[in-house]
N, C-alpha and C. Protein backbone atom coordinates (compact mmCIF):
# COMPACT_ATOMS: atom_id res chain seq x y z
N MET A 1 -104.90 89.36 -107.42
CA MET A 1 -103.41 89.76 -106.69
C MET A 1 -102.31 91.08 -108.12
N LYS A 2 -102.66 90.66 -108.88
CA LYS A 2 -101.98 91.40 -110.25
C LYS A 2 -102.17 93.05 -109.72
N LYS A 3 -103.67 93.07 -109.17
CA LYS A 3 -103.97 94.98 -109.32
C LYS A 3 -103.75 95.07 -107.72
N ILE A 4 -103.51 94.52 -106.87
CA ILE A 4 -102.61 94.80 -105.59
C ILE A 4 -101.42 94.87 -105.93
N LEU A 5 -100.42 94.69 -106.82
CA LEU A 5 -99.22 94.71 -107.17
C LEU A 5 -99.27 95.84 -107.86
N GLN A 6 -100.36 96.21 -108.66
CA GLN A 6 -100.09 97.24 -109.39
C GLN A 6 -100.34 98.82 -108.51
N SER A 7 -100.96 98.45 -107.64
CA SER A 7 -101.83 99.75 -106.95
C SER A 7 -100.31 99.74 -105.67
N ARG A 8 -99.64 99.05 -105.40
CA ARG A 8 -98.56 99.04 -104.57
C ARG A 8 -97.15 99.51 -105.30
N LEU A 9 -97.23 99.57 -106.33
CA LEU A 9 -96.14 100.13 -107.08
C LEU A 9 -96.92 101.39 -107.33
N LYS A 10 -97.40 101.86 -107.94
CA LYS A 10 -98.36 103.27 -108.02
C LYS A 10 -98.04 104.04 -106.21
N LEU A 11 -97.93 103.25 -105.36
CA LEU A 11 -97.57 104.14 -104.06
C LEU A 11 -96.39 103.97 -103.55
N HIS A 12 -95.60 103.26 -104.53
CA HIS A 12 -94.21 103.70 -103.70
C HIS A 12 -93.85 104.57 -105.32
N ARG A 13 -94.24 104.80 -105.80
CA ARG A 13 -93.92 105.82 -106.78
C ARG A 13 -93.98 106.79 -107.08
N PHE A 14 -94.68 107.39 -106.09
CA PHE A 14 -95.07 108.46 -105.63
C PHE A 14 -93.99 108.97 -104.16
N ARG A 15 -93.85 107.76 -103.22
CA ARG A 15 -93.07 107.88 -102.51
C ARG A 15 -91.59 108.80 -102.41
N LEU A 16 -91.37 108.00 -103.53
CA LEU A 16 -89.35 108.34 -103.23
C LEU A 16 -89.35 109.96 -103.89
N PRO A 17 -90.54 110.31 -104.43
CA PRO A 17 -89.92 112.06 -105.18
C PRO A 17 -90.71 112.79 -103.99
N LEU A 18 -91.63 112.48 -102.96
CA LEU A 18 -92.12 112.92 -101.97
C LEU A 18 -91.16 113.27 -101.08
N LEU A 19 -90.21 111.97 -100.59
CA LEU A 19 -89.38 112.14 -99.91
C LEU A 19 -88.28 113.05 -100.10
N GLY A 20 -87.64 112.76 -101.37
CA GLY A 20 -86.40 113.57 -102.12
C GLY A 20 -87.07 115.19 -101.78
N PHE A 21 -88.31 115.55 -102.44
CA PHE A 21 -89.03 116.62 -102.31
C PHE A 21 -88.74 117.51 -100.24
N CYS A 22 -89.11 116.29 -99.28
CA CYS A 22 -89.18 116.76 -97.71
C CYS A 22 -87.68 116.83 -97.89
N LEU A 23 -86.89 115.96 -98.16
CA LEU A 23 -85.07 116.35 -98.09
C LEU A 23 -84.76 117.81 -98.36
N LEU A 24 -85.05 117.68 -99.71
CA LEU A 24 -84.55 119.47 -100.38
C LEU A 24 -85.22 120.60 -99.33
N LEU A 25 -86.79 120.40 -99.15
CA LEU A 25 -86.92 121.16 -98.08
C LEU A 25 -85.93 121.62 -96.36
N THR A 26 -85.82 120.73 -95.56
CA THR A 26 -85.37 120.39 -94.60
C THR A 26 -83.88 120.75 -94.88
N GLY A 27 -83.15 120.75 -96.11
CA GLY A 27 -81.82 121.04 -96.56
C GLY A 27 -81.77 122.57 -96.80
N CYS A 28 -82.88 123.10 -97.18
CA CYS A 28 -83.30 124.82 -97.31
C CYS A 28 -83.53 125.51 -96.37
N ILE A 29 -83.91 125.18 -95.27
CA ILE A 29 -84.32 125.61 -94.05
C ILE A 29 -83.30 126.44 -93.81
N VAL A 30 -83.40 127.55 -93.57
CA VAL A 30 -82.26 128.51 -92.66
C VAL A 30 -82.32 129.02 -91.53
N CYS A 31 -81.46 128.91 -90.64
CA CYS A 31 -81.92 129.35 -89.08
C CYS A 31 -82.44 130.91 -89.25
N GLU A 32 -83.57 131.23 -89.03
CA GLU A 32 -84.15 132.87 -89.23
C GLU A 32 -83.72 133.62 -87.92
N ASN A 33 -83.00 133.31 -86.50
CA ASN A 33 -82.49 133.50 -85.84
C ASN A 33 -81.37 133.73 -85.34
N CYS A 34 -80.52 133.30 -86.39
CA CYS A 34 -79.39 133.32 -86.47
C CYS A 34 -78.70 134.89 -86.90
N GLY A 35 -77.40 134.91 -86.37
CA GLY A 35 -76.35 136.12 -86.81
C GLY A 35 -75.11 135.20 -87.94
N SER A 36 -74.68 136.45 -88.64
CA SER A 36 -73.39 135.89 -88.83
C SER A 36 -71.75 136.62 -89.00
N ILE A 37 -70.87 136.64 -89.12
CA ILE A 37 -69.94 137.19 -89.51
C ILE A 37 -69.57 137.23 -90.58
N ARG A 38 -68.59 138.34 -91.08
CA ARG A 38 -68.46 138.26 -92.34
C ARG A 38 -66.22 138.67 -91.89
N ARG A 39 -65.32 137.94 -92.24
CA ARG A 39 -64.03 138.21 -92.23
C ARG A 39 -64.19 139.40 -93.05
N SER A 40 -62.55 140.35 -92.04
CA SER A 40 -63.14 141.91 -92.45
C SER A 40 -61.10 142.42 -91.76
N HIS A 41 -60.53 142.64 -93.02
CA HIS A 41 -59.05 143.28 -92.84
C HIS A 41 -59.30 144.27 -91.87
N ASP A 42 -60.25 145.32 -92.16
CA ASP A 42 -60.13 146.37 -91.17
C ASP A 42 -60.29 146.15 -89.78
N ILE A 43 -60.99 145.18 -89.56
CA ILE A 43 -61.41 144.53 -88.10
C ILE A 43 -60.14 143.93 -87.27
N THR A 44 -59.50 143.13 -88.29
CA THR A 44 -58.42 142.56 -87.81
C THR A 44 -57.18 143.98 -87.60
N THR A 45 -57.15 144.64 -88.38
CA THR A 45 -56.11 145.49 -88.22
C THR A 45 -56.33 146.33 -86.95
N LEU A 46 -58.00 146.80 -87.02
CA LEU A 46 -59.06 147.30 -85.54
C LEU A 46 -57.78 146.84 -84.03
N PHE A 47 -57.66 145.52 -83.91
CA PHE A 47 -57.50 144.55 -83.14
C PHE A 47 -55.74 144.46 -82.79
N LEU A 48 -55.09 144.78 -84.08
CA LEU A 48 -53.27 144.16 -83.88
C LEU A 48 -53.17 145.89 -83.70
N ASN A 49 -53.89 146.84 -83.81
CA ASN A 49 -53.42 148.25 -83.17
C ASN A 49 -54.01 148.89 -82.37
N ASN A 50 -54.48 147.76 -81.58
CA ASN A 50 -55.01 147.89 -80.22
C ASN A 50 -56.26 148.94 -79.73
N GLU A 51 -56.74 148.86 -80.97
CA GLU A 51 -57.91 150.03 -80.68
C GLU A 51 -59.45 149.07 -80.12
N VAL A 52 -59.68 150.39 -79.24
CA VAL A 52 -60.78 149.02 -78.36
C VAL A 52 -62.11 150.38 -78.47
N VAL A 53 -63.51 149.26 -79.36
CA VAL A 53 -64.29 150.02 -79.77
C VAL A 53 -64.96 150.29 -78.42
N PRO A 54 -65.30 152.09 -78.75
CA PRO A 54 -66.35 152.44 -77.95
C PRO A 54 -67.80 151.98 -78.00
N GLY A 55 -68.40 152.57 -76.50
CA GLY A 55 -69.86 151.57 -76.92
C GLY A 55 -70.44 150.19 -76.69
N TYR A 56 -68.87 149.28 -76.75
CA TYR A 56 -69.25 148.24 -76.97
C TYR A 56 -68.28 147.44 -75.62
N THR A 57 -69.28 146.42 -75.50
CA THR A 57 -69.00 145.26 -74.28
C THR A 57 -67.85 144.03 -74.53
N TYR A 58 -66.73 143.89 -73.89
CA TYR A 58 -65.72 143.12 -74.54
C TYR A 58 -65.96 141.66 -73.43
N TYR A 59 -65.68 140.65 -74.53
CA TYR A 59 -65.69 139.38 -73.51
C TYR A 59 -64.37 138.32 -74.38
N TYR A 60 -64.46 137.50 -73.25
CA TYR A 60 -62.87 136.28 -73.89
C TYR A 60 -63.87 134.56 -73.91
N ASN A 61 -62.90 134.28 -74.98
CA ASN A 61 -62.82 133.03 -74.76
C ASN A 61 -61.83 132.08 -74.58
N GLY A 62 -61.26 131.55 -73.31
CA GLY A 62 -60.22 130.77 -72.61
C GLY A 62 -59.95 131.65 -71.85
N GLU A 63 -58.53 130.76 -71.42
CA GLU A 63 -57.84 131.93 -70.25
C GLU A 63 -57.67 133.67 -70.52
N LEU A 64 -58.09 133.81 -69.01
CA LEU A 64 -57.42 135.67 -69.07
C LEU A 64 -56.40 135.96 -69.75
N GLN A 65 -55.47 135.12 -69.24
CA GLN A 65 -54.18 135.16 -69.79
C GLN A 65 -53.98 135.12 -70.95
N TRP A 66 -54.59 134.24 -71.30
CA TRP A 66 -54.16 133.64 -73.35
C TRP A 66 -55.01 133.20 -73.86
N PRO A 67 -56.34 134.01 -73.75
CA PRO A 67 -57.43 133.90 -74.75
C PRO A 67 -57.68 133.46 -76.45
N LYS A 68 -58.31 132.93 -76.37
CA LYS A 68 -58.74 132.23 -77.63
C LYS A 68 -59.18 133.01 -78.41
N ALA A 69 -59.78 133.89 -78.55
CA ALA A 69 -60.94 135.00 -79.00
C ALA A 69 -61.11 135.73 -78.41
N ILE A 70 -61.53 136.89 -78.46
CA ILE A 70 -61.80 138.19 -78.09
C ILE A 70 -63.47 138.93 -79.04
N LEU A 71 -64.66 138.90 -78.26
CA LEU A 71 -66.10 139.25 -78.67
C LEU A 71 -66.11 140.61 -78.20
N ALA A 72 -66.18 141.23 -79.19
CA ALA A 72 -66.71 143.21 -78.81
C ALA A 72 -68.35 143.46 -79.42
N ILE A 73 -69.59 143.36 -78.33
CA ILE A 73 -70.39 143.17 -78.84
C ILE A 73 -70.80 144.99 -78.05
N ASP A 74 -72.06 145.43 -78.94
CA ASP A 74 -72.47 146.40 -78.38
C ASP A 74 -73.18 146.98 -77.62
N ALA A 75 -72.75 148.01 -76.41
CA ALA A 75 -73.29 147.52 -75.22
C ALA A 75 -75.20 147.54 -74.78
N GLY A 76 -75.72 148.10 -76.02
CA GLY A 76 -77.13 147.72 -76.26
C GLY A 76 -78.15 146.42 -76.04
N TYR A 77 -77.00 145.26 -76.19
CA TYR A 77 -77.32 143.88 -76.18
C TYR A 77 -76.99 143.11 -74.76
N THR A 78 -77.69 142.48 -74.60
CA THR A 78 -77.82 141.73 -73.58
C THR A 78 -76.77 139.80 -74.26
N VAL A 79 -75.99 139.56 -73.84
CA VAL A 79 -74.83 138.48 -74.14
C VAL A 79 -75.33 137.20 -73.44
N GLU A 80 -75.76 136.40 -73.49
CA GLU A 80 -76.16 134.59 -73.14
C GLU A 80 -74.63 134.07 -73.97
N ALA A 81 -73.95 133.82 -72.29
CA ALA A 81 -72.93 132.81 -73.23
C ALA A 81 -72.61 132.02 -71.92
N GLU A 82 -72.04 130.96 -72.08
CA GLU A 82 -71.75 130.12 -71.06
C GLU A 82 -70.17 130.07 -71.27
N PHE A 83 -69.64 129.77 -72.32
CA PHE A 83 -68.16 130.43 -72.59
C PHE A 83 -67.41 131.09 -72.91
N TRP A 84 -68.29 132.65 -72.91
CA TRP A 84 -67.62 133.59 -73.12
C TRP A 84 -67.56 134.85 -71.63
N LYS A 85 -66.82 135.39 -70.90
CA LYS A 85 -66.80 136.12 -70.10
C LYS A 85 -66.41 137.57 -70.68
N PRO A 86 -67.35 138.53 -69.79
CA PRO A 86 -67.12 139.55 -70.19
C PRO A 86 -65.76 140.30 -69.15
N VAL A 87 -65.12 141.26 -69.61
CA VAL A 87 -63.92 141.69 -69.38
C VAL A 87 -63.95 143.22 -69.61
N ASP A 88 -63.58 143.88 -68.34
CA ASP A 88 -63.44 145.97 -69.01
C ASP A 88 -61.99 145.84 -69.16
N LEU A 89 -62.09 146.05 -70.86
CA LEU A 89 -60.68 146.07 -71.36
C LEU A 89 -60.34 147.25 -71.34
N THR A 90 -59.29 147.21 -71.43
CA THR A 90 -58.55 149.10 -72.07
C THR A 90 -57.31 148.64 -73.21
N GLY A 91 -56.53 149.56 -73.85
CA GLY A 91 -56.42 149.04 -74.89
C GLY A 91 -54.63 148.72 -74.28
N GLN A 92 -54.26 148.91 -73.21
CA GLN A 92 -53.02 148.29 -72.88
C GLN A 92 -53.40 146.40 -72.52
N GLU A 93 -54.36 146.40 -72.18
CA GLU A 93 -54.72 145.17 -71.71
C GLU A 93 -54.71 144.60 -73.13
N LEU A 94 -56.06 144.96 -74.22
CA LEU A 94 -55.74 144.64 -75.81
C LEU A 94 -54.43 144.44 -75.86
N SER A 95 -53.45 145.22 -76.12
CA SER A 95 -51.99 145.13 -76.46
C SER A 95 -51.42 144.32 -75.70
N ASP A 96 -51.61 143.48 -74.41
CA ASP A 96 -50.68 142.42 -74.03
C ASP A 96 -51.14 141.33 -74.39
N TRP A 97 -52.85 141.72 -74.96
CA TRP A 97 -53.79 139.61 -75.20
C TRP A 97 -52.86 139.88 -76.89
N MET A 98 -52.57 140.91 -77.39
CA MET A 98 -52.46 140.77 -78.76
C MET A 98 -51.07 140.29 -79.37
N ASP A 99 -50.13 140.64 -78.30
CA ASP A 99 -48.75 140.26 -78.13
C ASP A 99 -48.62 138.78 -77.98
N ARG A 100 -49.71 138.12 -77.28
CA ARG A 100 -49.74 136.70 -76.73
C ARG A 100 -50.18 136.27 -77.50
N THR A 101 -50.78 136.44 -79.09
CA THR A 101 -51.59 136.31 -80.26
C THR A 101 -50.36 135.30 -80.99
N SER A 102 -49.83 136.10 -80.92
CA SER A 102 -47.92 135.05 -81.68
C SER A 102 -47.71 134.13 -81.29
N THR A 103 -48.36 133.62 -80.13
CA THR A 103 -47.71 132.09 -79.45
C THR A 103 -49.07 130.96 -80.80
N TRP A 104 -49.95 131.36 -80.99
CA TRP A 104 -50.81 130.51 -82.07
C TRP A 104 -50.14 130.50 -83.46
N LYS A 105 -50.09 129.14 -83.60
CA LYS A 105 -49.35 128.89 -84.34
C LYS A 105 -49.55 129.11 -85.52
N GLY A 106 -48.79 129.31 -86.48
CA GLY A 106 -49.15 130.03 -88.04
C GLY A 106 -49.54 129.28 -89.23
N THR A 107 -50.10 128.34 -89.06
CA THR A 107 -50.82 127.38 -90.24
C THR A 107 -52.06 128.42 -90.75
N ARG A 108 -52.20 127.71 -91.74
CA ARG A 108 -53.24 128.29 -92.33
C ARG A 108 -55.25 128.52 -91.76
N GLN A 109 -54.82 127.46 -91.17
CA GLN A 109 -56.05 127.35 -89.85
C GLN A 109 -56.28 128.50 -89.18
N THR A 110 -54.66 128.52 -88.47
CA THR A 110 -55.02 129.96 -87.52
C THR A 110 -54.33 131.05 -87.61
N GLU A 111 -54.96 131.42 -88.59
CA GLU A 111 -54.38 132.75 -89.37
C GLU A 111 -54.97 133.69 -87.89
N LYS A 112 -54.82 134.55 -88.52
CA LYS A 112 -56.14 136.21 -86.90
C LYS A 112 -56.57 136.82 -87.61
N ASN A 113 -58.20 136.29 -87.43
CA ASN A 113 -59.18 136.40 -88.12
C ASN A 113 -59.88 137.80 -87.62
N GLY A 114 -60.16 138.66 -88.10
CA GLY A 114 -61.26 139.69 -87.22
C GLY A 114 -62.21 139.56 -88.18
N ALA A 115 -63.62 140.02 -87.88
CA ALA A 115 -64.45 139.72 -88.56
C ALA A 115 -65.45 140.47 -87.93
N GLU A 116 -66.78 141.34 -88.60
CA GLU A 116 -67.61 141.48 -88.33
C GLU A 116 -69.07 141.19 -87.68
N VAL A 117 -69.52 140.76 -86.92
CA VAL A 117 -70.63 140.72 -86.46
C VAL A 117 -71.80 141.06 -86.59
N PHE A 118 -73.05 140.22 -87.27
CA PHE A 118 -74.30 140.69 -87.80
C PHE A 118 -75.29 140.14 -86.85
N ASN A 119 -76.73 141.10 -86.72
CA ASN A 119 -77.80 140.23 -86.22
C ASN A 119 -78.74 139.92 -87.89
N PRO A 120 -79.73 138.57 -86.90
CA PRO A 120 -80.64 138.44 -88.66
C PRO A 120 -81.02 139.38 -89.64
N ALA A 121 -81.01 140.69 -89.04
CA ALA A 121 -81.44 141.77 -89.97
C ALA A 121 -80.02 142.29 -90.95
N GLY A 122 -78.94 141.78 -90.34
CA GLY A 122 -77.74 142.33 -91.21
C GLY A 122 -77.42 143.61 -90.80
N GLU A 123 -77.45 143.88 -89.28
CA GLU A 123 -76.97 145.36 -88.81
C GLU A 123 -75.94 145.06 -87.88
N ARG A 124 -74.38 145.52 -88.22
CA ARG A 124 -73.62 144.99 -87.74
C ARG A 124 -74.03 145.48 -86.14
N ILE A 125 -73.15 144.45 -84.79
CA ILE A 125 -73.44 144.44 -83.45
C ILE A 125 -72.88 144.60 -82.90
N GLY A 126 -71.24 143.67 -83.66
CA GLY A 126 -70.21 143.56 -82.85
C GLY A 126 -69.02 143.43 -83.35
N VAL A 127 -67.67 143.19 -83.00
CA VAL A 127 -66.76 142.36 -84.06
C VAL A 127 -65.75 141.23 -83.08
N PHE A 128 -65.11 140.37 -83.49
CA PHE A 128 -64.62 139.24 -83.46
C PHE A 128 -63.17 139.34 -83.68
N PHE A 129 -62.36 138.41 -83.21
CA PHE A 129 -60.88 138.69 -83.47
C PHE A 129 -60.77 136.94 -82.86
N SER A 130 -59.75 136.34 -83.47
CA SER A 130 -59.33 134.75 -82.85
C SER A 130 -58.66 134.34 -83.91
N LYS A 131 -58.40 133.22 -83.44
CA LYS A 131 -57.74 132.25 -84.77
C LYS A 131 -58.46 131.28 -85.09
N TYR A 132 -59.55 131.32 -84.72
CA TYR A 132 -60.56 130.42 -85.20
C TYR A 132 -61.99 131.52 -86.14
N ASP A 133 -62.45 130.83 -87.33
CA ASP A 133 -62.59 131.42 -88.32
C ASP A 133 -63.94 131.89 -88.26
N ASN A 134 -64.92 130.50 -87.38
CA ASN A 134 -65.89 130.74 -87.22
C ASN A 134 -67.03 131.16 -86.08
N LEU A 135 -67.94 131.82 -85.71
CA LEU A 135 -68.73 132.09 -84.67
C LEU A 135 -70.47 131.85 -84.86
N VAL A 136 -70.78 131.43 -83.91
CA VAL A 136 -72.57 130.92 -84.39
C VAL A 136 -73.19 131.45 -83.06
N THR A 137 -73.98 132.90 -83.47
CA THR A 137 -74.90 133.65 -82.88
C THR A 137 -76.57 133.25 -83.23
N LYS A 138 -77.01 133.51 -82.31
CA LYS A 138 -78.91 133.42 -82.32
C LYS A 138 -79.10 134.61 -81.22
N PHE A 139 -80.22 134.82 -81.94
CA PHE A 139 -80.83 136.13 -81.61
C PHE A 139 -82.46 135.49 -81.21
N PRO A 140 -82.11 135.13 -79.69
CA PRO A 140 -84.16 134.46 -79.51
C PRO A 140 -84.96 135.62 -79.15
N GLY A 141 -84.97 136.74 -79.16
CA GLY A 141 -85.74 137.80 -79.15
C GLY A 141 -84.85 139.19 -78.32
N GLY A 142 -85.47 140.56 -78.61
CA GLY A 142 -85.35 141.79 -77.72
C GLY A 142 -83.44 141.84 -78.30
N ASN A 143 -83.22 142.11 -77.43
CA ASN A 143 -81.10 142.71 -77.74
C ASN A 143 -80.83 141.40 -76.92
N VAL A 144 -80.83 140.56 -76.91
CA VAL A 144 -80.45 139.55 -76.36
C VAL A 144 -79.76 138.68 -77.38
N VAL A 145 -78.24 138.07 -77.27
CA VAL A 145 -77.89 137.68 -78.64
C VAL A 145 -77.13 136.08 -77.62
N GLN A 146 -77.12 135.52 -78.01
CA GLN A 146 -76.75 133.90 -77.30
C GLN A 146 -75.23 133.51 -78.18
N VAL A 147 -74.20 133.69 -77.55
CA VAL A 147 -72.92 133.60 -78.47
C VAL A 147 -72.35 132.00 -77.91
N TYR A 148 -71.65 130.97 -79.18
CA TYR A 148 -71.61 129.72 -78.73
C TYR A 148 -69.59 129.91 -79.10
N PRO A 149 -69.17 129.00 -78.59
CA PRO A 149 -67.67 129.48 -78.23
C PRO A 149 -67.54 129.07 -80.35
N PRO A 150 -66.35 129.63 -80.24
CA PRO A 150 -65.58 129.95 -81.69
C PRO A 150 -65.04 128.64 -81.93
N SER A 151 -65.41 128.11 -83.29
CA SER A 151 -64.51 127.09 -84.16
C SER A 151 -63.96 127.19 -85.20
N TYR A 152 -63.53 126.19 -85.61
CA TYR A 152 -63.09 126.36 -86.96
C TYR A 152 -63.96 126.03 -88.27
N GLN A 153 -64.25 126.57 -89.22
CA GLN A 153 -65.47 126.29 -90.04
C GLN A 153 -65.51 124.99 -90.68
N ALA A 154 -66.71 124.73 -91.02
CA ALA A 154 -66.85 123.01 -91.58
C ALA A 154 -66.06 122.97 -92.50
N GLY A 155 -64.98 121.76 -92.80
CA GLY A 155 -64.35 121.69 -93.52
C GLY A 155 -63.14 122.31 -93.71
N GLN A 156 -62.74 122.88 -92.61
CA GLN A 156 -61.82 123.36 -92.54
C GLN A 156 -60.89 123.31 -91.47
N GLY A 157 -61.42 121.80 -90.23
CA GLY A 157 -60.65 121.68 -89.10
C GLY A 157 -59.71 120.98 -89.26
N LEU A 158 -58.83 121.15 -88.32
CA LEU A 158 -57.34 120.01 -88.14
C LEU A 158 -57.83 118.95 -88.19
N GLY A 159 -56.88 117.57 -88.47
CA GLY A 159 -57.06 115.96 -88.06
C GLY A 159 -56.73 115.73 -87.02
N PRO A 160 -57.39 114.91 -86.23
CA PRO A 160 -56.86 114.02 -84.65
C PRO A 160 -55.28 114.82 -84.25
N GLY A 161 -54.57 114.26 -85.36
CA GLY A 161 -53.27 114.32 -84.93
C GLY A 161 -52.54 115.96 -84.72
N SER A 162 -53.34 116.74 -85.13
CA SER A 162 -52.81 118.02 -85.18
C SER A 162 -52.71 118.17 -83.78
N LYS A 163 -51.85 119.34 -83.03
CA LYS A 163 -50.98 119.72 -82.23
C LYS A 163 -51.86 121.28 -82.11
N ASP A 164 -53.03 121.84 -82.77
CA ASP A 164 -53.20 123.30 -82.75
C ASP A 164 -54.57 122.39 -82.64
N ARG A 165 -55.20 122.17 -81.91
CA ARG A 165 -56.46 121.70 -81.30
C ARG A 165 -57.12 122.71 -80.33
N ASN A 166 -56.35 123.35 -79.86
CA ASN A 166 -57.05 124.39 -78.49
C ASN A 166 -57.10 125.40 -79.04
């Protein structure tokens, strides 16, 4: 009986470190086909100056008259996105949109954020402008990019009582 207990204790002694090691590994796994964004004052200025980047296809998130975010992706990419709508944007239309961004509440979480959009290899493939500061992109293969709705960064979201949820 004593030998059985000792053997079980030895077995349990190895399970805990093994479990910890497995959790460590899964926490360190990186999304290999995910893109990234990097906030950029130059991109914010580009949008605020109503400059349309040639060779980019423009998309908006939200209502056409009141977009929550604007995305411009290199025309060499195919965008798969349920929540982004393509738009043939001119400088004047961009100017109208920028005027409407003044209705975005001016809290810390709703600053006007310009950012560069990168593919997994670190190459810039687009630009992004929004009151939101996070954008998830995935690259399933070829020159296809899946773009998800913009959001606040983890830990930066507003509480349930906030009026700035949209």
